[in-house]
């Protein structure tokens, strides 16, 4: 079973805040997204306004993030992107999800170089 973590961003008194993230032990990302949407919509207190639902998963060296904006009661489509560990810890809500998943950004391997020289032969990675 793949582990996902979800967090929701709320607007409270004009500021964007988030509650503690939640583990989403789901079989796939679609199931995790649906579960996260149901959970966070059901845990809204009246002064708070749900603005975004975020689902995070570790995939090798990268962190996969899927987020859905909510505006005026309408759901926007899910947007997916990937970040490396160094970029992921810059956002506090994503860093909280990494802690929930048990990911330690300090122990992550360094990123792969674009060029590599072995015995005088230069290998370039296709990007």
N, C-alpha and C. Protein backbone atom coordinates (compact mmCIF):
# COMPACT_ATOMS: atom_id res chain seq x y z
N UNK A 1 0.84 -1.17 0.00
CA UNK A 1 0.00 0.00 0.00
C UNK A 1 0.89 1.24 0.00
N UNK A 2 0.61 2.15 -0.90
CA UNK A 2 1.39 3.37 -1.02
C UNK A 2 0.91 4.39 0.00
N UNK A 3 1.85 5.07 0.60
CA UNK A 3 1.49 6.09 1.57
C UNK A 3 1.42 7.46 0.91
N UNK A 4 0.36 8.14 1.20
CA UNK A 4 0.18 9.51 0.78
C UNK A 4 -0.09 10.31 2.04
N UNK A 5 0.14 11.60 1.97
CA UNK A 5 -0.23 12.51 3.06
C UNK A 5 -1.00 13.65 2.43
N UNK A 6 -1.97 14.15 3.15
CA UNK A 6 -2.76 15.26 2.63
C UNK A 6 -2.81 16.38 3.66
N UNK A 7 -2.97 17.57 3.14
CA UNK A 7 -3.11 18.75 3.98
C UNK A 7 -4.03 19.71 3.23
N UNK A 8 -4.72 20.54 3.96
CA UNK A 8 -5.61 21.52 3.34
C UNK A 8 -5.22 22.92 3.81
N UNK A 9 -5.30 23.85 2.89
CA UNK A 9 -5.05 25.25 3.22
C UNK A 9 -6.40 25.93 3.42
N UNK A 10 -6.52 26.67 4.51
CA UNK A 10 -7.74 27.36 4.87
C UNK A 10 -7.47 28.85 4.94
N UNK A 11 -8.49 29.63 4.64
CA UNK A 11 -8.40 31.07 4.85
C UNK A 11 -9.10 31.36 6.17
N UNK A 12 -8.35 31.92 7.11
CA UNK A 12 -8.88 32.24 8.43
C UNK A 12 -8.50 33.68 8.76
N UNK A 13 -9.49 34.54 8.90
CA UNK A 13 -9.27 35.96 9.22
C UNK A 13 -8.31 36.61 8.23
N UNK A 14 -8.42 36.26 6.96
CA UNK A 14 -7.59 36.87 5.92
C UNK A 14 -6.23 36.23 5.73
N UNK A 15 -5.83 35.31 6.61
CA UNK A 15 -4.53 34.65 6.49
C UNK A 15 -4.74 33.20 6.04
N UNK A 16 -3.78 32.68 5.31
CA UNK A 16 -3.82 31.29 4.88
C UNK A 16 -3.12 30.44 5.94
N UNK A 17 -3.83 29.44 6.47
CA UNK A 17 -3.29 28.55 7.50
C UNK A 17 -3.57 27.11 7.08
N UNK A 18 -2.92 26.17 7.75
CA UNK A 18 -3.20 24.76 7.50
C UNK A 18 -3.23 24.01 8.81
N UNK A 19 -4.01 22.93 8.81
CA UNK A 19 -4.09 22.08 9.99
C UNK A 19 -3.04 20.99 9.84
N UNK A 20 -2.88 20.17 10.86
CA UNK A 20 -1.90 19.08 10.81
C UNK A 20 -2.23 18.14 9.66
N UNK A 21 -1.21 17.68 8.92
CA UNK A 21 -1.48 16.77 7.80
C UNK A 21 -1.99 15.42 8.26
N UNK A 22 -2.52 14.69 7.31
CA UNK A 22 -3.14 13.39 7.59
C UNK A 22 -2.60 12.36 6.61
N UNK A 23 -2.32 11.14 7.11
CA UNK A 23 -1.89 10.06 6.24
C UNK A 23 -3.08 9.55 5.45
N UNK A 24 -2.82 9.22 4.19
CA UNK A 24 -3.84 8.64 3.31
C UNK A 24 -3.34 7.29 2.82
N UNK A 25 -3.57 6.21 3.58
CA UNK A 25 -3.10 4.89 3.13
C UNK A 25 -4.02 4.33 2.05
N UNK A 26 -3.74 4.68 0.81
CA UNK A 26 -4.59 4.31 -0.31
C UNK A 26 -3.83 3.47 -1.32
N UNK A 27 -4.57 2.79 -2.16
CA UNK A 27 -3.96 1.95 -3.19
C UNK A 27 -3.35 2.78 -4.31
N UNK A 28 -3.98 3.86 -4.68
CA UNK A 28 -3.47 4.69 -5.77
C UNK A 28 -3.78 6.16 -5.50
N UNK A 29 -3.26 7.02 -6.37
CA UNK A 29 -3.41 8.45 -6.11
C UNK A 29 -4.84 8.94 -6.28
N UNK A 30 -5.62 8.31 -7.16
CA UNK A 30 -7.01 8.73 -7.32
C UNK A 30 -7.79 8.48 -6.05
N UNK A 31 -7.58 7.32 -5.45
CA UNK A 31 -8.25 7.00 -4.20
C UNK A 31 -7.80 7.94 -3.08
N UNK A 32 -6.51 8.27 -3.05
CA UNK A 32 -6.00 9.19 -2.04
C UNK A 32 -6.59 10.58 -2.21
N UNK A 33 -6.72 11.03 -3.46
CA UNK A 33 -7.31 12.35 -3.71
C UNK A 33 -8.76 12.42 -3.25
N UNK A 34 -9.53 11.40 -3.59
CA UNK A 34 -10.94 11.38 -3.19
C UNK A 34 -11.08 11.34 -1.67
N UNK A 35 -10.27 10.52 -1.03
CA UNK A 35 -10.31 10.41 0.43
C UNK A 35 -9.94 11.74 1.08
N UNK A 36 -8.91 12.38 0.56
CA UNK A 36 -8.48 13.66 1.12
C UNK A 36 -9.56 14.73 0.92
N UNK A 37 -10.18 14.75 -0.25
CA UNK A 37 -11.23 15.74 -0.50
C UNK A 37 -12.40 15.56 0.45
N UNK A 38 -12.84 14.30 0.64
CA UNK A 38 -13.94 14.04 1.55
C UNK A 38 -13.60 14.43 2.99
N UNK A 39 -12.39 14.06 3.41
CA UNK A 39 -12.00 14.34 4.80
C UNK A 39 -11.92 15.84 5.06
N UNK A 40 -11.21 16.58 4.21
CA UNK A 40 -11.00 18.00 4.49
C UNK A 40 -12.27 18.81 4.32
N UNK A 41 -13.16 18.41 3.42
CA UNK A 41 -14.43 19.11 3.30
C UNK A 41 -15.31 18.90 4.53
N UNK A 42 -15.18 17.73 5.14
CA UNK A 42 -15.97 17.43 6.32
C UNK A 42 -15.42 18.03 7.60
N UNK A 43 -14.19 18.55 7.57
CA UNK A 43 -13.56 19.11 8.77
C UNK A 43 -13.35 20.61 8.67
N UNK A 44 -14.36 21.30 8.21
CA UNK A 44 -14.26 22.76 8.10
C UNK A 44 -15.14 23.39 9.16
N UNK A 45 -14.54 24.24 9.96
CA UNK A 45 -15.31 25.01 10.94
C UNK A 45 -15.83 26.27 10.24
N UNK A 46 -16.88 26.85 10.73
CA UNK A 46 -17.58 27.92 10.05
C UNK A 46 -16.72 29.14 9.67
N UNK A 47 -15.86 29.68 10.51
CA UNK A 47 -15.13 30.86 10.04
C UNK A 47 -14.07 30.54 8.99
N UNK A 48 -13.65 29.28 8.91
CA UNK A 48 -12.62 28.89 7.94
C UNK A 48 -13.23 28.67 6.56
N UNK A 49 -12.45 28.99 5.53
CA UNK A 49 -12.86 28.76 4.14
C UNK A 49 -11.78 27.92 3.49
N UNK A 50 -12.17 26.77 2.95
CA UNK A 50 -11.24 25.87 2.28
C UNK A 50 -10.77 26.50 0.98
N UNK A 51 -9.44 26.58 0.79
CA UNK A 51 -8.91 27.17 -0.44
C UNK A 51 -8.16 26.15 -1.31
N UNK A 52 -7.51 25.17 -0.69
CA UNK A 52 -6.72 24.22 -1.48
C UNK A 52 -6.55 22.92 -0.72
N UNK A 53 -6.62 21.80 -1.46
CA UNK A 53 -6.36 20.47 -0.91
C UNK A 53 -5.09 19.96 -1.59
N UNK A 54 -4.15 19.46 -0.80
CA UNK A 54 -2.85 19.04 -1.32
C UNK A 54 -2.59 17.60 -0.90
N UNK A 55 -2.19 16.76 -1.86
CA UNK A 55 -1.83 15.36 -1.60
C UNK A 55 -0.37 15.19 -1.98
N UNK A 56 0.43 14.62 -1.07
CA UNK A 56 1.88 14.50 -1.25
C UNK A 56 2.27 13.03 -1.19
N UNK A 57 3.22 12.65 -2.07
CA UNK A 57 3.74 11.28 -2.12
C UNK A 57 5.23 11.35 -2.46
N UNK A 58 6.01 10.46 -1.85
CA UNK A 58 7.41 10.37 -2.21
C UNK A 58 7.56 9.36 -3.34
N UNK A 59 8.28 9.75 -4.38
CA UNK A 59 8.52 8.86 -5.51
C UNK A 59 10.00 8.90 -5.84
N UNK A 60 10.76 8.00 -5.25
CA UNK A 60 12.20 7.97 -5.49
C UNK A 60 12.87 9.19 -4.92
N UNK A 61 13.54 9.93 -5.77
CA UNK A 61 14.26 11.14 -5.34
C UNK A 61 13.39 12.38 -5.33
N UNK A 62 12.17 12.26 -5.84
CA UNK A 62 11.31 13.42 -5.97
C UNK A 62 10.08 13.30 -5.07
N UNK A 63 9.48 14.43 -4.82
CA UNK A 63 8.23 14.51 -4.08
C UNK A 63 7.15 14.89 -5.08
N UNK A 64 6.13 14.02 -5.21
CA UNK A 64 5.02 14.30 -6.11
C UNK A 64 3.93 15.01 -5.33
N UNK A 65 3.47 16.11 -5.90
CA UNK A 65 2.45 16.92 -5.24
C UNK A 65 1.28 17.09 -6.21
N UNK A 66 0.09 16.83 -5.71
CA UNK A 66 -1.14 17.08 -6.47
C UNK A 66 -1.98 18.02 -5.62
N UNK A 67 -2.43 19.10 -6.23
CA UNK A 67 -3.24 20.06 -5.47
C UNK A 67 -4.45 20.47 -6.27
N UNK A 68 -5.50 20.75 -5.52
CA UNK A 68 -6.77 21.17 -6.13
C UNK A 68 -7.23 22.42 -5.43
N UNK A 69 -7.42 23.47 -6.19
CA UNK A 69 -7.92 24.72 -5.64
C UNK A 69 -9.44 24.66 -5.55
N UNK A 70 -9.97 25.28 -4.53
CA UNK A 70 -11.41 25.36 -4.32
C UNK A 70 -11.76 26.83 -4.20
N UNK A 71 -12.62 27.31 -5.10
CA UNK A 71 -13.00 28.72 -5.03
C UNK A 71 -14.49 28.85 -5.28
N UNK A 72 -15.16 29.50 -4.37
CA UNK A 72 -16.60 29.71 -4.51
C UNK A 72 -17.40 28.42 -4.54
N UNK A 73 -16.92 27.38 -3.84
CA UNK A 73 -17.63 26.12 -3.83
C UNK A 73 -17.36 25.25 -5.04
N UNK A 74 -16.62 25.77 -6.02
CA UNK A 74 -16.29 25.04 -7.24
C UNK A 74 -14.92 24.40 -7.12
N UNK A 75 -14.81 23.17 -7.57
CA UNK A 75 -13.52 22.49 -7.57
C UNK A 75 -12.81 22.74 -8.89
N UNK A 76 -11.57 23.09 -8.81
CA UNK A 76 -10.74 23.23 -10.00
C UNK A 76 -10.10 21.87 -10.28
N UNK A 77 -9.53 21.66 -11.47
CA UNK A 77 -8.88 20.37 -11.75
C UNK A 77 -7.62 20.18 -10.89
N UNK A 78 -7.25 18.91 -10.69
CA UNK A 78 -6.03 18.60 -9.95
C UNK A 78 -4.82 19.01 -10.79
N UNK A 79 -3.86 19.63 -10.15
CA UNK A 79 -2.60 20.03 -10.80
C UNK A 79 -1.49 19.23 -10.14
N UNK A 80 -0.69 18.54 -10.96
CA UNK A 80 0.40 17.73 -10.44
C UNK A 80 1.74 18.34 -10.82
N UNK A 81 2.68 18.25 -9.90
CA UNK A 81 4.06 18.65 -10.19
C UNK A 81 4.98 17.92 -9.24
N UNK A 82 6.27 17.97 -9.54
CA UNK A 82 7.27 17.27 -8.73
C UNK A 82 8.31 18.27 -8.25
N UNK A 83 8.78 18.06 -7.04
CA UNK A 83 9.83 18.88 -6.45
C UNK A 83 10.90 17.98 -5.87
N UNK A 84 12.13 18.47 -5.83
CA UNK A 84 13.15 17.71 -5.11
C UNK A 84 13.04 18.06 -3.62
N UNK A 85 13.76 17.34 -2.80
CA UNK A 85 13.62 17.50 -1.35
C UNK A 85 13.96 18.92 -0.89
N UNK A 86 14.97 19.53 -1.49
CA UNK A 86 15.39 20.87 -1.05
C UNK A 86 14.29 21.90 -1.31
N UNK A 87 13.60 21.78 -2.44
CA UNK A 87 12.52 22.73 -2.75
C UNK A 87 11.27 22.43 -1.92
N UNK A 88 11.04 21.14 -1.64
CA UNK A 88 9.83 20.76 -0.92
C UNK A 88 9.82 21.27 0.52
N UNK A 89 10.98 21.32 1.17
CA UNK A 89 10.99 21.76 2.57
C UNK A 89 10.84 23.27 2.71
N UNK A 90 10.89 24.01 1.61
CA UNK A 90 10.71 25.46 1.68
C UNK A 90 9.26 25.84 1.96
N UNK A 91 8.32 24.99 1.56
CA UNK A 91 6.91 25.25 1.85
C UNK A 91 6.54 24.53 3.15
N UNK A 92 6.11 25.26 4.17
CA UNK A 92 5.87 24.62 5.48
C UNK A 92 4.79 23.54 5.44
N UNK A 93 3.75 23.70 4.64
CA UNK A 93 2.70 22.68 4.60
C UNK A 93 3.19 21.40 3.92
N UNK A 94 4.06 21.51 2.91
CA UNK A 94 4.62 20.32 2.26
C UNK A 94 5.65 19.67 3.19
N UNK A 95 6.43 20.48 3.90
CA UNK A 95 7.40 19.93 4.85
C UNK A 95 6.69 19.16 5.97
N UNK A 96 5.54 19.63 6.39
CA UNK A 96 4.77 18.92 7.41
C UNK A 96 4.29 17.57 6.87
N UNK A 97 3.93 17.52 5.60
CA UNK A 97 3.52 16.25 4.98
C UNK A 97 4.70 15.28 4.89
N UNK A 98 5.89 15.81 4.59
CA UNK A 98 7.07 14.95 4.53
C UNK A 98 7.35 14.32 5.89
N UNK A 99 7.18 15.09 6.94
CA UNK A 99 7.38 14.55 8.28
C UNK A 99 6.35 13.46 8.58
N UNK A 100 5.14 13.65 8.11
CA UNK A 100 4.08 12.65 8.31
C UNK A 100 4.40 11.35 7.56
N UNK A 101 5.03 11.47 6.40
CA UNK A 101 5.40 10.29 5.61
C UNK A 101 6.70 9.64 6.09
N UNK A 102 7.41 10.31 7.00
CA UNK A 102 8.67 9.77 7.50
C UNK A 102 9.84 10.03 6.57
N UNK A 103 9.75 11.04 5.74
CA UNK A 103 10.81 11.40 4.81
C UNK A 103 11.74 12.40 5.48
N UNK A 104 13.02 12.09 5.50
CA UNK A 104 14.02 13.00 6.05
C UNK A 104 14.76 13.67 4.90
N UNK A 105 14.49 14.95 4.62
CA UNK A 105 15.15 15.62 3.49
C UNK A 105 16.67 15.67 3.62
N UNK A 106 17.19 15.63 4.83
CA UNK A 106 18.64 15.69 5.03
C UNK A 106 19.33 14.42 4.55
N UNK A 107 18.62 13.30 4.59
CA UNK A 107 19.23 12.03 4.16
C UNK A 107 18.96 11.71 2.70
N UNK A 108 18.36 12.63 1.97
CA UNK A 108 18.08 12.39 0.55
C UNK A 108 19.38 12.39 -0.25
N UNK A 109 19.48 11.52 -1.24
CA UNK A 109 20.69 11.50 -2.06
C UNK A 109 20.78 12.78 -2.89
N UNK A 110 21.99 13.17 -3.27
CA UNK A 110 22.14 14.38 -4.08
C UNK A 110 21.51 14.17 -5.46
N UNK A 111 21.12 15.24 -6.13
CA UNK A 111 20.52 15.09 -7.45
C UNK A 111 21.53 14.57 -8.47
N UNK A 112 21.03 13.90 -9.49
CA UNK A 112 21.90 13.37 -10.53
C UNK A 112 22.48 14.52 -11.35
N UNK A 113 23.76 14.45 -11.70
CA UNK A 113 24.35 15.51 -12.52
C UNK A 113 23.87 15.40 -13.97
N UNK A 114 23.93 16.52 -14.68
CA UNK A 114 23.52 16.53 -16.08
C UNK A 114 24.59 15.91 -16.98
N UNK A 115 25.86 16.04 -16.58
CA UNK A 115 26.95 15.41 -17.34
C UNK A 115 27.80 14.58 -16.39
N UNK A 116 28.36 13.52 -16.95
CA UNK A 116 29.17 12.62 -16.16
C UNK A 116 30.34 12.17 -17.03
N UNK A 117 31.54 12.23 -16.49
CA UNK A 117 32.72 11.81 -17.24
C UNK A 117 33.31 10.55 -16.59
N UNK A 118 33.41 9.49 -17.41
CA UNK A 118 33.96 8.22 -16.95
C UNK A 118 35.03 7.80 -17.95
N UNK A 119 36.28 7.68 -17.47
CA UNK A 119 37.41 7.27 -18.31
C UNK A 119 37.54 8.10 -19.58
N UNK A 120 37.34 9.39 -19.45
CA UNK A 120 37.50 10.30 -20.58
C UNK A 120 36.29 10.40 -21.49
N UNK A 121 35.27 9.61 -21.27
CA UNK A 121 34.06 9.66 -22.07
C UNK A 121 33.02 10.47 -21.31
N UNK A 122 32.42 11.45 -22.00
CA UNK A 122 31.44 12.31 -21.37
C UNK A 122 30.04 11.83 -21.72
N UNK A 123 29.25 11.59 -20.68
CA UNK A 123 27.86 11.15 -20.85
C UNK A 123 26.96 12.30 -20.45
N UNK A 124 26.00 12.62 -21.31
CA UNK A 124 25.05 13.70 -21.03
C UNK A 124 23.65 13.09 -20.83
N UNK A 125 23.01 13.59 -19.83
CA UNK A 125 21.66 13.13 -19.54
C UNK A 125 20.67 13.93 -20.40
N UNK A 126 19.74 13.21 -21.03
CA UNK A 126 18.72 13.89 -21.82
C UNK A 126 17.66 14.44 -20.90
N UNK A 127 17.37 15.71 -21.04
CA UNK A 127 16.40 16.36 -20.17
C UNK A 127 15.21 16.76 -20.98
